[in-house]
Amino acid sequence: MVRTWARRPLASRAAKRALDVILAAALLIACLPVLIAACLAIVLETPASPLYLQWRTGMGGRSFRIIKLRTMLTGADQLGPPLTLCADPRITRIGSLLRRWSIDELPQLLNVLA
């Protein structure tokens, strides 16, 4: 199955990529103070890295590494089911706040740049 995006002209794909990079970079710079504060809060609450890296499968079956802020205890994937429940005890206090405001998703702007 051929995706419709792959059939678009090269100039159209290049323009979209340029717009994605410009917007992601601008948003990342604007959100940098919030990201730094969130990382500091995570480090103060848990001894682990504030960033969570995971491999996912993208368009065309390509694997890519996703970057998010850590909102769960280290090793949470071994401590319970792969899906997170509403009141999951593996979610940290800071993590629940980050999830409520979707701040944990901000590092995905780095994924766009990569």
C-alpha atoms as a PDB file:
ATOM      1  CA  MET A   1       0.000   0.000   0.000  1.00  0.00           C
ATOM      2  CA  VAL A   2       1.450   3.352  -1.053  1.00  0.00           C
ATOM      3  CA  ARG A   3       0.737   6.284   1.221  1.00  0.00           C
ATOM      4  CA  THR A   4      -0.706   9.384  -0.422  1.00  0.00           C
ATOM      5  CA  TRP A   5       1.989  11.551   1.197  1.00  0.00           C
ATOM      6  CA  ALA A   6       4.722   9.633  -0.664  1.00  0.00           C
ATOM      7  CA  ARG A   7       3.038  10.504  -3.968  1.00  0.00           C
ATOM      8  CA  ARG A   8       3.176  14.259  -3.379  1.00  0.00           C
ATOM      9  CA  PRO A   9       5.764  16.318  -5.267  1.00  0.00           C
ATOM     10  CA  LEU A  10       9.186  16.713  -3.679  1.00  0.00           C
ATOM     11  CA  ALA A  11       8.733  20.502  -3.378  1.00  0.00           C
ATOM     12  CA  SER A  12       5.521  20.003  -1.386  1.00  0.00           C
ATOM     13  CA  ARG A  13       7.187  17.520   0.990  1.00  0.00           C
ATOM     14  CA  ALA A  14      10.211  19.804   1.413  1.00  0.00           C
ATOM     15  CA  ALA A  15       7.985  22.802   2.200  1.00  0.00           C
ATOM     16  CA  LYS A  16       6.055  20.810   4.795  1.00  0.00           C
ATOM     17  CA  ARG A  17       9.276  19.560   6.394  1.00  0.00           C
ATOM     18  CA  ALA A  18      10.671  23.111   6.524  1.00  0.00           C
ATOM     19  CA  LEU A  19       7.479  24.373   8.175  1.00  0.00           C
ATOM     20  CA  ASP A  20       7.544  21.481  10.677  1.00  0.00           C
ATOM     21  CA  VAL A  21      11.163  22.238  11.633  1.00  0.00           C
ATOM     22  CA  ILE A  22      10.604  25.986  11.976  1.00  0.00           C
ATOM     23  CA  LEU A  23       7.470  25.587  14.112  1.00  0.00           C
ATOM     24  CA  ALA A  24       8.985  22.828  16.287  1.00  0.00           C
ATOM     25  CA  ALA A  25      12.131  24.878  16.914  1.00  0.00           C
ATOM     26  CA  ALA A  26      10.128  27.993  17.790  1.00  0.00           C
ATOM     27  CA  LEU A  27       7.842  26.066  20.154  1.00  0.00           C
ATOM     28  CA  LEU A  28      10.794  24.303  21.759  1.00  0.00           C
ATOM     29  CA  ILE A  29      12.517  27.610  22.461  1.00  0.00           C
ATOM     30  CA  ALA A  30       9.295  29.112  23.830  1.00  0.00           C
ATOM     31  CA  CYS A  31       8.666  26.081  26.070  1.00  0.00           C
ATOM     32  CA  LEU A  32      12.263  25.723  27.264  1.00  0.00           C
ATOM     33  CA  PRO A  33      11.671  27.305  30.719  1.00  0.00           C
ATOM     34  CA  VAL A  34       8.739  24.930  31.335  1.00  0.00           C
ATOM     35  CA  LEU A  35      10.802  21.940  30.192  1.00  0.00           C
ATOM     36  CA  ILE A  36      13.721  22.880  32.444  1.00  0.00           C
ATOM     37  CA  ALA A  37      11.410  23.318  35.447  1.00  0.00           C
ATOM     38  CA  ALA A  38       9.725  19.976  34.729  1.00  0.00           C
ATOM     39  CA  CYS A  39      13.097  18.198  34.421  1.00  0.00           C
ATOM     40  CA  LEU A  40      14.260  19.663  37.725  1.00  0.00           C
ATOM     41  CA  ALA A  41      11.044  18.583  39.438  1.00  0.00           C
ATOM     42  CA  ILE A  42      11.403  15.034  38.075  1.00  0.00           C
ATOM     43  CA  VAL A  43      15.044  14.795  39.200  1.00  0.00           C
ATOM     44  CA  LEU A  44      14.098  16.010  42.689  1.00  0.00           C
ATOM     45  CA  GLU A  45      11.341  13.397  42.989  1.00  0.00           C
ATOM     46  CA  THR A  46      13.035  10.370  41.420  1.00  0.00           C
ATOM     47  CA  PRO A  47      16.702   9.448  40.984  1.00  0.00           C
ATOM     48  CA  ALA A  48      16.235   8.466  37.339  1.00  0.00           C
ATOM     49  CA  SER A  49      16.780  10.481  34.182  1.00  0.00           C
ATOM     50  CA  PRO A  50      13.992  13.019  33.515  1.00  0.00           C
ATOM     51  CA  LEU A  51      13.725  11.824  29.914  1.00  0.00           C
ATOM     52  CA  TYR A  52      12.050   8.590  28.880  1.00  0.00           C
ATOM     53  CA  LEU A  53      13.129   6.994  25.616  1.00  0.00           C
ATOM     54  CA  GLN A  54      11.100   4.303  23.889  1.00  0.00           C
ATOM     55  CA  TRP A  55      11.144   2.660  20.483  1.00  0.00           C
ATOM     56  CA  ARG A  56       7.921   2.941  18.478  1.00  0.00           C
ATOM     57  CA  THR A  57       6.852   1.932  14.997  1.00  0.00           C
ATOM     58  CA  GLY A  58       5.973   4.743  12.621  1.00  0.00           C
ATOM     59  CA  MET A  59       4.723   5.184   9.101  1.00  0.00           C
ATOM     60  CA  GLY A  60       5.828   2.456   6.742  1.00  0.00           C
ATOM     61  CA  GLY A  61       6.899   0.237   9.638  1.00  0.00           C
ATOM     62  CA  ARG A  62       9.970   2.400  10.371  1.00  0.00           C
ATOM     63  CA  SER A  63      11.174   2.288  13.974  1.00  0.00           C
ATOM     64  CA  PHE A  64      11.979   5.538  15.721  1.00  0.00           C
ATOM     65  CA  ARG A  65      12.873   6.575  19.248  1.00  0.00           C
ATOM     66  CA  ILE A  66      10.318   8.726  21.018  1.00  0.00           C
ATOM     67  CA  ILE A  67      11.375  11.159  23.748  1.00  0.00           C
ATOM     68  CA  LYS A  68       9.043  12.062  26.604  1.00  0.00           C
ATOM     69  CA  LEU A  69       9.359  13.326  30.148  1.00  0.00           C
ATOM     70  CA  ARG A  70       9.393  10.562  32.744  1.00  0.00           C
ATOM     71  CA  THR A  71       6.062  10.439  34.575  1.00  0.00           C
ATOM     72  CA  MET A  72       6.284   6.921  36.006  1.00  0.00           C
ATOM     73  CA  LEU A  73       8.608   5.073  38.330  1.00  0.00           C
ATOM     74  CA  THR A  74      11.731   3.558  36.805  1.00  0.00           C
ATOM     75  CA  GLY A  75      10.988   0.050  35.550  1.00  0.00           C
ATOM     76  CA  ALA A  76       7.229   0.657  35.573  1.00  0.00           C
ATOM     77  CA  ASP A  77       6.829  -1.489  32.458  1.00  0.00           C
ATOM     78  CA  GLN A  78       7.918  -4.522  34.528  1.00  0.00           C
ATOM     79  CA  LEU A  79       5.724  -3.551  37.499  1.00  0.00           C
ATOM     80  CA  GLY A  80       2.344  -3.637  35.777  1.00  0.00           C
ATOM     81  CA  PRO A  81       0.320  -3.762  32.569  1.00  0.00           C
ATOM     82  CA  PRO A  82       1.556  -1.905  29.475  1.00  0.00           C
ATOM     83  CA  LEU A  83      -1.481   0.383  29.528  1.00  0.00           C
ATOM     84  CA  THR A  84      -1.658   3.068  32.178  1.00  0.00           C
ATOM     85  CA  LEU A  85      -4.820   3.221  34.252  1.00  0.00           C
ATOM     86  CA  CYS A  86      -6.395   6.432  35.535  1.00  0.00           C
ATOM     87  CA  ALA A  87      -5.154   6.096  39.117  1.00  0.00           C
ATOM     88  CA  ASP A  88      -2.081   3.988  38.329  1.00  0.00           C
ATOM     89  CA  PRO A  89       0.208   3.780  41.396  1.00  0.00           C
ATOM     90  CA  ARG A  90       3.268   3.747  39.121  1.00  0.00           C
ATOM     91  CA  ILE A  91       2.683   7.407  38.175  1.00  0.00           C
ATOM     92  CA  THR A  92       4.706   9.817  40.301  1.00  0.00           C
ATOM     93  CA  ARG A  93       3.190  12.906  41.930  1.00  0.00           C
ATOM     94  CA  ILE A  94       4.985  15.207  39.513  1.00  0.00           C
ATOM     95  CA  GLY A  95       4.089  12.811  36.691  1.00  0.00           C
ATOM     96  CA  SER A  96       0.373  13.173  37.306  1.00  0.00           C
ATOM     97  CA  LEU A  97       0.676  16.955  37.096  1.00  0.00           C
ATOM     98  CA  LEU A  98       2.762  16.744  33.919  1.00  0.00           C
ATOM     99  CA  ARG A  99       0.229  14.385  32.338  1.00  0.00           C
ATOM    100  CA  ARG A 100      -2.748  16.520  33.349  1.00  0.00           C
ATOM    101  CA  TRP A 101      -1.259  19.540  31.555  1.00  0.00           C
ATOM    102  CA  SER A 102       0.324  17.404  28.731  1.00  0.00           C
ATOM    103  CA  ILE A 103       3.750  18.820  29.604  1.00  0.00           C
ATOM    104  CA  ASP A 104       5.221  15.311  29.330  1.00  0.00           C
ATOM    105  CA  GLU A 105       4.593  15.492  25.570  1.00  0.00           C
ATOM    106  CA  LEU A 106       6.689  18.634  24.959  1.00  0.00           C
ATOM    107  CA  PRO A 107       9.979  16.757  24.292  1.00  0.00           C
ATOM    108  CA  GLN A 108       8.280  15.258  21.245  1.00  0.00           C
ATOM    109  CA  LEU A 109       9.203  18.515  19.540  1.00  0.00           C
ATOM    110  CA  LEU A 110      12.729  17.049  19.529  1.00  0.00           C
ATOM    111  CA  ASN A 111      11.318  14.067  17.655  1.00  0.00           C
ATOM    112  CA  VAL A 112      10.010  16.428  14.972  1.00  0.00           C
ATOM    113  CA  LEU A 113      13.426  18.062  14.659  1.00  0.00           C
ATOM    114  CA  ALA A 114      15.162  14.682  14.417  1.00  0.00           C
END
